[in-house]
PDB file of N, CA and C in Angstrom:
ATOM      1  N   MET A   1       4.430 107.776  96.954  1.00  0.00           N
ATOM      2  CA  MET A   1       5.724 107.157  96.782  1.00  0.00           C
ATOM      3  C   MET A   1       5.547 105.925  95.899  1.00  0.00           C
ATOM      4  N   GLY A   2       6.429 105.762  94.923  1.00  0.00           N
ATOM      5  CA  GLY A   2       6.330 104.635  93.999  1.00  0.00           C
ATOM      6  C   GLY A   2       6.899 103.353  94.596  1.00  0.00           C
ATOM      7  N   GLU A   3       6.583 102.271  93.933  1.00  0.00           N
ATOM      8  CA  GLU A   3       7.030 100.954  94.394  1.00  0.00           C
ATOM      9  C   GLU A   3       8.553 100.846  94.395  1.00  0.00           C
ATOM     10  N   ALA A   4       9.222 101.386  93.387  1.00  0.00           N
ATOM     11  CA  ALA A   4      10.688 101.323  93.324  1.00  0.00           C
ATOM     12  C   ALA A   4      11.326 102.060  94.499  1.00  0.00           C
ATOM     13  N   LYS A   5      10.789 103.206  94.852  1.00  0.00           N
ATOM     14  CA  LYS A   5      11.339 103.957  95.989  1.00  0.00           C
ATOM     15  C   LYS A   5      11.124 103.196  97.290  1.00  0.00           C
ATOM     16  N   ARG A   6       9.953 102.587  97.433  1.00  0.00           N
ATOM     17  CA  ARG A   6       9.671 101.795  98.632  1.00  0.00           C
ATOM     18  C   ARG A   6      10.635 100.622  98.732  1.00  0.00           C
ATOM     19  N   ARG A   7      10.845  99.955  97.614  1.00  0.00           N
ATOM     20  CA  ARG A   7      11.748  98.813  97.596  1.00  0.00           C
ATOM     21  C   ARG A   7      13.174  99.248  97.926  1.00  0.00           C
ATOM     22  N   ARG A   8      13.607 100.378  97.368  1.00  0.00           N
ATOM     23  CA  ARG A   8      14.950 100.882  97.616  1.00  0.00           C
ATOM     24  C   ARG A   8      15.141 101.201  99.098  1.00  0.00           C
ATOM     25  N   GLU A   9      14.135 101.814  99.718  1.00  0.00           N
ATOM     26  CA  GLU A   9      14.230 102.130 101.139  1.00  0.00           C
ATOM     27  C   GLU A   9      14.214 100.865 101.992  1.00  0.00           C
ATOM     28  N   ALA A  10      13.421  99.868 101.592  1.00  0.00           N
ATOM     29  CA  ALA A  10      13.315  98.639 102.371  1.00  0.00           C
ATOM     30  C   ALA A  10      14.608  97.815 102.283  1.00  0.00           C
ATOM     31  N   LEU A  11      15.217  97.774 101.106  1.00  0.00           N
ATOM     32  CA  LEU A  11      16.410  96.951 100.923  1.00  0.00           C
ATOM     33  C   LEU A  11      17.695  97.658 101.350  1.00  0.00           C
ATOM     34  N   GLY A  12      17.723  98.948 101.288  1.00  0.00           N
ATOM     35  CA  GLY A  12      18.913  99.700 101.699  1.00  0.00           C
ATOM     36  C   GLY A  12      20.093  99.423 100.784  1.00  0.00           C
ATOM     37  N   GLU A  13      21.202  98.942 101.348  1.00  0.00           N
ATOM     38  CA  GLU A  13      22.412  98.677 100.568  1.00  0.00           C
ATOM     39  C   GLU A  13      22.252  97.505  99.610  1.00  0.00           C
ATOM     40  N   GLU A  14      21.323  96.636  99.871  1.00  0.00           N
ATOM     41  CA  GLU A  14      21.119  95.458  99.025  1.00  0.00           C
ATOM     42  C   GLU A  14      20.378  95.798  97.723  1.00  0.00           C
ATOM     43  N   TYR A  15      19.862  97.008  97.599  1.00  0.00           N
ATOM     44  CA  TYR A  15      19.107  97.395  96.411  1.00  0.00           C
ATOM     45  C   TYR A  15      20.001  97.395  95.182  1.00  0.00           C
ATOM     46  N   GLY A  16      19.554  96.722  94.127  1.00  0.00           N
ATOM     47  CA  GLY A  16      20.293  96.685  92.875  1.00  0.00           C
ATOM     48  C   GLY A  16      21.272  95.529  92.763  1.00  0.00           C
ATOM     49  N   LYS A  17      21.526  94.817  93.862  1.00  0.00           N
ATOM     50  CA  LYS A  17      22.415  93.663  93.823  1.00  0.00           C
ATOM     51  C   LYS A  17      21.633  92.459  93.318  1.00  0.00           C
ATOM     52  N   PRO A  18      22.329  91.516  92.649  1.00  0.00           N
ATOM     53  CA  PRO A  18      21.628  90.321  92.159  1.00  0.00           C
ATOM     54  C   PRO A  18      21.007  89.535  93.313  1.00  0.00           C
ATOM     55  N   GLU A  19      19.837  89.003  93.052  1.00  0.00           N
ATOM     56  CA  GLU A  19      19.109  88.263  94.074  1.00  0.00           C
ATOM     57  C   GLU A  19      19.652  86.839  94.178  1.00  0.00           C
ATOM     58  N   THR A  20      19.849  86.356  95.402  1.00  0.00           N
ATOM     59  CA  THR A  20      20.345  84.996  95.601  1.00  0.00           C
ATOM     60  C   THR A  20      19.186  84.010  95.707  1.00  0.00           C
ATOM     61  N   ILE A  21      19.507  82.735  95.496  1.00  0.00           N
ATOM     62  CA  ILE A  21      18.486  81.693  95.597  1.00  0.00           C
ATOM     63  C   ILE A  21      18.050  81.530  97.041  1.00  0.00           C
ATOM     64  N   LEU A  22      19.027  81.333  97.905  1.00  0.00           N
ATOM     65  CA  LEU A  22      18.790  81.209  99.344  1.00  0.00           C
ATOM     66  C   LEU A  22      19.682  82.214 100.057  1.00  0.00           C
ATOM     67  N   PRO A  23      19.236  82.741 101.174  1.00  0.00           N
ATOM     68  CA  PRO A  23      20.049  83.752 101.868  1.00  0.00           C
ATOM     69  C   PRO A  23      21.436  83.254 102.282  1.00  0.00           C
ATOM     70  N   TRP A  24      21.572  81.986 102.617  1.00  0.00           N
ATOM     71  CA  TRP A  24      22.843  81.445 103.091  1.00  0.00           C
ATOM     72  C   TRP A  24      23.687  80.849 101.967  1.00  0.00           C
ATOM     73  N   LEU A  25      23.165  80.813 100.727  1.00  0.00           N
ATOM     74  CA  LEU A  25      23.872  80.233  99.589  1.00  0.00           C
ATOM     75  C   LEU A  25      24.271  81.347  98.625  1.00  0.00           C
ATOM     76  N   PRO A  26      25.572  81.574  98.422  1.00  0.00           N
ATOM     77  CA  PRO A  26      26.001  82.719  97.598  1.00  0.00           C
ATOM     78  C   PRO A  26      25.924  82.454  96.096  1.00  0.00           C
ATOM     79  N   ILE A  27      24.783  81.954  95.627  1.00  0.00           N
ATOM     80  CA  ILE A  27      24.567  81.708  94.203  1.00  0.00           C
ATOM     81  C   ILE A  27      23.372  82.544  93.768  1.00  0.00           C
ATOM     82  N   THR A  28      23.584  83.343  92.724  1.00  0.00           N
ATOM     83  CA  THR A  28      22.496  84.201  92.250  1.00  0.00           C
ATOM     84  C   THR A  28      21.562  83.412  91.338  1.00  0.00           C
ATOM     85  N   LYS A  29      20.409  83.978  91.093  1.00  0.00           N
ATOM     86  CA  LYS A  29      19.440  83.329  90.207  1.00  0.00           C
ATOM     87  C   LYS A  29      19.976  83.242  88.786  1.00  0.00           C
ATOM     88  N   ALA A  30      20.727  84.251  88.358  1.00  0.00           N
ATOM     89  CA  ALA A  30      21.316  84.221  87.016  1.00  0.00           C
ATOM     90  C   ALA A  30      22.341  83.087  86.907  1.00  0.00           C
ATOM     91  N   GLN A  31      23.144  82.882  87.953  1.00  0.00           N
ATOM     92  CA  GLN A  31      24.114  81.792  87.936  1.00  0.00           C
ATOM     93  C   GLN A  31      23.417  80.435  87.917  1.00  0.00           C
ATOM     94  N   ALA A  32      22.321  80.308  88.635  1.00  0.00           N
ATOM     95  CA  ALA A  32      21.571  79.053  88.656  1.00  0.00           C
ATOM     96  C   ALA A  32      20.980  78.762  87.282  1.00  0.00           C
ATOM     97  N   THR A  33      20.475  79.787  86.616  1.00  0.00           N
ATOM     98  CA  THR A  33      19.925  79.615  85.276  1.00  0.00           C
ATOM     99  C   THR A  33      21.022  79.209  84.298  1.00  0.00           C
ATOM    100  N   GLN A  34      22.172  79.849  84.399  1.00  0.00           N
ATOM    101  CA  GLN A  34      23.296  79.515  83.523  1.00  0.00           C
ATOM    102  C   GLN A  34      23.760  78.075  83.772  1.00  0.00           C
ATOM    103  N   PHE A  35      23.826  77.651  85.023  1.00  0.00           N
ATOM    104  CA  PHE A  35      24.204  76.276  85.355  1.00  0.00           C
ATOM    105  C   PHE A  35      23.209  75.291  84.747  1.00  0.00           C
ATOM    106  N   SER A  36      21.936  75.608  84.829  1.00  0.00           N
ATOM    107  CA  SER A  36      20.906  74.747  84.261  1.00  0.00           C
ATOM    108  C   SER A  36      21.063  74.629  82.750  1.00  0.00           C
ATOM    109  N   ARG A  37      21.357  75.742  82.078  1.00  0.00           N
ATOM    110  CA  ARG A  37      21.562  75.706  80.625  1.00  0.00           C
ATOM    111  C   ARG A  37      22.764  74.853  80.254  1.00  0.00           C
ATOM    112  N   TRP A  38      23.879  75.006  80.980  1.00  0.00           N
ATOM    113  CA  TRP A  38      25.093  74.237  80.676  1.00  0.00           C
ATOM    114  C   TRP A  38      24.878  72.752  80.920  1.00  0.00           C
ATOM    115  N   THR A  39      24.204  72.388  82.003  1.00  0.00           N
ATOM    116  CA  THR A  39      23.992  70.971  82.281  1.00  0.00           C
ATOM    117  C   THR A  39      23.032  70.343  81.281  1.00  0.00           C
ATOM    118  N   THR A  40      22.028  71.093  80.832  1.00  0.00           N
ATOM    119  CA  THR A  40      21.116  70.587  79.809  1.00  0.00           C
ATOM    120  C   THR A  40      21.865  70.364  78.499  1.00  0.00           C
ATOM    121  N   LEU A  41      22.708  71.313  78.126  1.00  0.00           N
ATOM    122  CA  LEU A  41      23.512  71.168  76.920  1.00  0.00           C
ATOM    123  C   LEU A  41      24.447  69.963  77.034  1.00  0.00           C
ATOM    124  N   GLY A  42      25.073  69.805  78.186  1.00  0.00           N
ATOM    125  CA  GLY A  42      25.963  68.668  78.406  1.00  0.00           C
ATOM    126  C   GLY A  42      25.229  67.338  78.312  1.00  0.00           C
ATOM    127  N   ALA A  43      24.011  67.294  78.823  1.00  0.00           N
ATOM    128  CA  ALA A  43      23.219  66.068  78.746  1.00  0.00           C
ATOM    129  C   ALA A  43      22.909  65.723  77.297  1.00  0.00           C
ATOM    130  N   TRP A  44      22.532  66.711  76.498  1.00  0.00           N
ATOM    131  CA  TRP A  44      22.238  66.454  75.088  1.00  0.00           C
ATOM    132  C   TRP A  44      23.475  66.020  74.319  1.00  0.00           C
ATOM    133  N   VAL A  45      24.611  66.624  74.615  1.00  0.00           N
ATOM    134  CA  VAL A  45      25.862  66.210  73.966  1.00  0.00           C
ATOM    135  C   VAL A  45      26.160  64.758  74.326  1.00  0.00           C
ATOM    136  N   GLY A  46      25.973  64.393  75.582  1.00  0.00           N
ATOM    137  CA  GLY A  46      26.189  63.011  76.008  1.00  0.00           C
ATOM    138  C   GLY A  46      25.261  62.038  75.314  1.00  0.00           C
ATOM    139  N   ILE A  47      24.002  62.401  75.153  1.00  0.00           N
ATOM    140  CA  ILE A  47      23.033  61.538  74.469  1.00  0.00           C
ATOM    141  C   ILE A  47      23.440  61.352  73.010  1.00  0.00           C
ATOM    142  N   ILE A  48      23.827  62.438  72.352  1.00  0.00           N
ATOM    143  CA  ILE A  48      24.217  62.353  70.943  1.00  0.00           C
ATOM    144  C   ILE A  48      25.478  61.498  70.788  1.00  0.00           C
ATOM    145  N   LEU A  49      26.450  61.667  71.675  1.00  0.00           N
ATOM    146  CA  LEU A  49      27.652  60.839  71.621  1.00  0.00           C
ATOM    147  C   LEU A  49      27.330  59.365  71.859  1.00  0.00           C
ATOM    148  N   MET A  50      26.455  59.094  72.805  1.00  0.00           N
ATOM    149  CA  MET A  50      26.077  57.718  73.095  1.00  0.00           C
ATOM    150  C   MET A  50      25.402  57.068  71.881  1.00  0.00           C
ATOM    151  N   VAL A  51      24.515  57.784  71.221  1.00  0.00           N
ATOM    152  CA  VAL A  51      23.852  57.251  70.023  1.00  0.00           C
ATOM    153  C   VAL A  51      24.871  57.030  68.917  1.00  0.00           C
ATOM    154  N   GLY A  52      25.803  57.974  68.745  1.00  0.00           N
ATOM    155  CA  GLY A  52      26.839  57.818  67.718  1.00  0.00           C
ATOM    156  C   GLY A  52      27.714  56.606  67.971  1.00  0.00           C
ATOM    157  N   ILE A  53      28.114  56.404  69.212  1.00  0.00           N
ATOM    158  CA  ILE A  53      28.932  55.233  69.552  1.00  0.00           C
ATOM    159  C   ILE A  53      28.132  53.950  69.354  1.00  0.00           C
ATOM    160  N   TRP A  54      26.870  53.965  69.756  1.00  0.00           N
ATOM    161  CA  TRP A  54      26.024  52.785  69.585  1.00  0.00           C
ATOM    162  C   TRP A  54      25.877  52.442  68.105  1.00  0.00           C
ATOM    163  N   LEU A  55      25.635  53.446  67.265  1.00  0.00           N
ATOM    164  CA  LEU A  55      25.520  53.183  65.827  1.00  0.00           C
ATOM    165  C   LEU A  55      26.817  52.611  65.265  1.00  0.00           C
ATOM    166  N   THR A  56      27.933  53.142  65.721  1.00  0.00           N
ATOM    167  CA  THR A  56      29.226  52.645  65.255  1.00  0.00           C
ATOM    168  C   THR A  56      29.428  51.187  65.646  1.00  0.00           C
ATOM    169  N   VAL A  57      29.176  50.862  66.884  1.00  0.00           N
ATOM    170  CA  VAL A  57      29.374  49.492  67.359  1.00  0.00           C
ATOM    171  C   VAL A  57      28.374  48.543  66.714  1.00  0.00           C
ATOM    172  N   ARG A  58      27.136  48.986  66.581  1.00  0.00           N
ATOM    173  CA  ARG A  58      26.077  48.091  66.098  1.00  0.00           C
ATOM    174  C   ARG A  58      26.117  47.864  64.603  1.00  0.00           C
ATOM    175  N   PHE A  59      26.364  48.896  63.809  1.00  0.00           N
ATOM    176  CA  PHE A  59      26.255  48.763  62.355  1.00  0.00           C
ATOM    177  C   PHE A  59      27.590  48.846  61.622  1.00  0.00           C
ATOM    178  N   ILE A  60      28.434  49.783  61.975  1.00  0.00           N
ATOM    179  CA  ILE A  60      29.683  49.964  61.249  1.00  0.00           C
ATOM    180  C   ILE A  60      30.719  48.939  61.706  1.00  0.00           C
ATOM    181  N   GLY A  61      30.769  48.655  62.991  1.00  0.00           N
ATOM    182  CA  GLY A  61      31.730  47.702  63.542  1.00  0.00           C
ATOM    183  C   GLY A  61      31.674  46.333  62.900  1.00  0.00           C
ATOM    184  N   PRO A  62      30.493  45.714  62.794  1.00  0.00           N
ATOM    185  CA  PRO A  62      30.428  44.390  62.152  1.00  0.00           C
ATOM    186  C   PRO A  62      30.884  44.409  60.688  1.00  0.00           C
ATOM    187  N   GLY A  63      30.745  45.515  60.014  1.00  0.00           N
ATOM    188  CA  GLY A  63      31.208  45.611  58.628  1.00  0.00           C
ATOM    189  C   GLY A  63      32.714  45.504  58.532  1.00  0.00           C
ATOM    190  N   PHE A  64      33.422  45.884  59.576  1.00  0.00           N
ATOM    191  CA  PHE A  64      34.873  45.775  59.610  1.00  0.00           C
ATOM    192  C   PHE A  64      35.330  44.494  60.307  1.00  0.00           C
ATOM    193  N   GLY A  65      34.374  43.676  60.751  1.00  0.00           N
ATOM    194  CA  GLY A  65      34.711  42.430  61.417  1.00  0.00           C
ATOM    195  C   GLY A  65      34.827  42.567  62.928  1.00  0.00           C
ATOM    196  N   TRP A  66      34.435  43.685  63.480  1.00  0.00           N
ATOM    197  CA  TRP A  66      34.491  43.869  64.936  1.00  0.00           C
ATOM    198  C   TRP A  66      33.206  43.346  65.547  1.00  0.00           C
ATOM    199  N   TRP A  67      33.310  42.758  66.676  1.00  0.00           N
ATOM    200  CA  TRP A  67      32.153  42.308  67.466  1.00  0.00           C
ATOM    201  C   TRP A  67      31.099  41.630  66.599  1.00  0.00           C
ATOM    202  N   GLU A  68      31.500  40.566  65.976  1.00  0.00           N
ATOM    203  CA  GLU A  68      30.549  39.872  65.103  1.00  0.00           C
ATOM    204  C   GLU A  68      29.380  39.351  65.924  1.00  0.00           C
ATOM    205  N   ILE A  69      28.216  39.549  65.387  1.00  0.00           N
ATOM    206  CA  ILE A  69      26.996  39.133  66.065  1.00  0.00           C
ATOM    207  C   ILE A  69      26.557  37.812  65.433  1.00  0.00           C
ATOM    208  N   SER A  70      26.524  36.768  66.230  1.00  0.00           N
ATOM    209  CA  SER A  70      26.090  35.473  65.683  1.00  0.00           C
ATOM    210  C   SER A  70      24.695  35.169  66.216  1.00  0.00           C
ATOM    211  N   GLY A  71      23.983  34.509  65.425  1.00  0.00           N
ATOM    212  CA  GLY A  71      22.678  34.140  65.918  1.00  0.00           C
ATOM    213  C   GLY A  71      21.679  34.273  64.906  1.00  0.00           C
TER     214      GLY A  71
END
């Protein structure tokens, strides 16, 4: 008997269904991976926006007379 047949008999109705992270948590491993990808992308977008705003305030803003830096 092959491994797939053994697994199918052991799992019964659960065979072929997506595997969950924890038995009591209805989140599949694929959903967890997708969540991780989206949050990583969101973090990078936030970092890029923060750098863009910082560059605007630090260099472009004083050229227009905003937030003059004295010293």
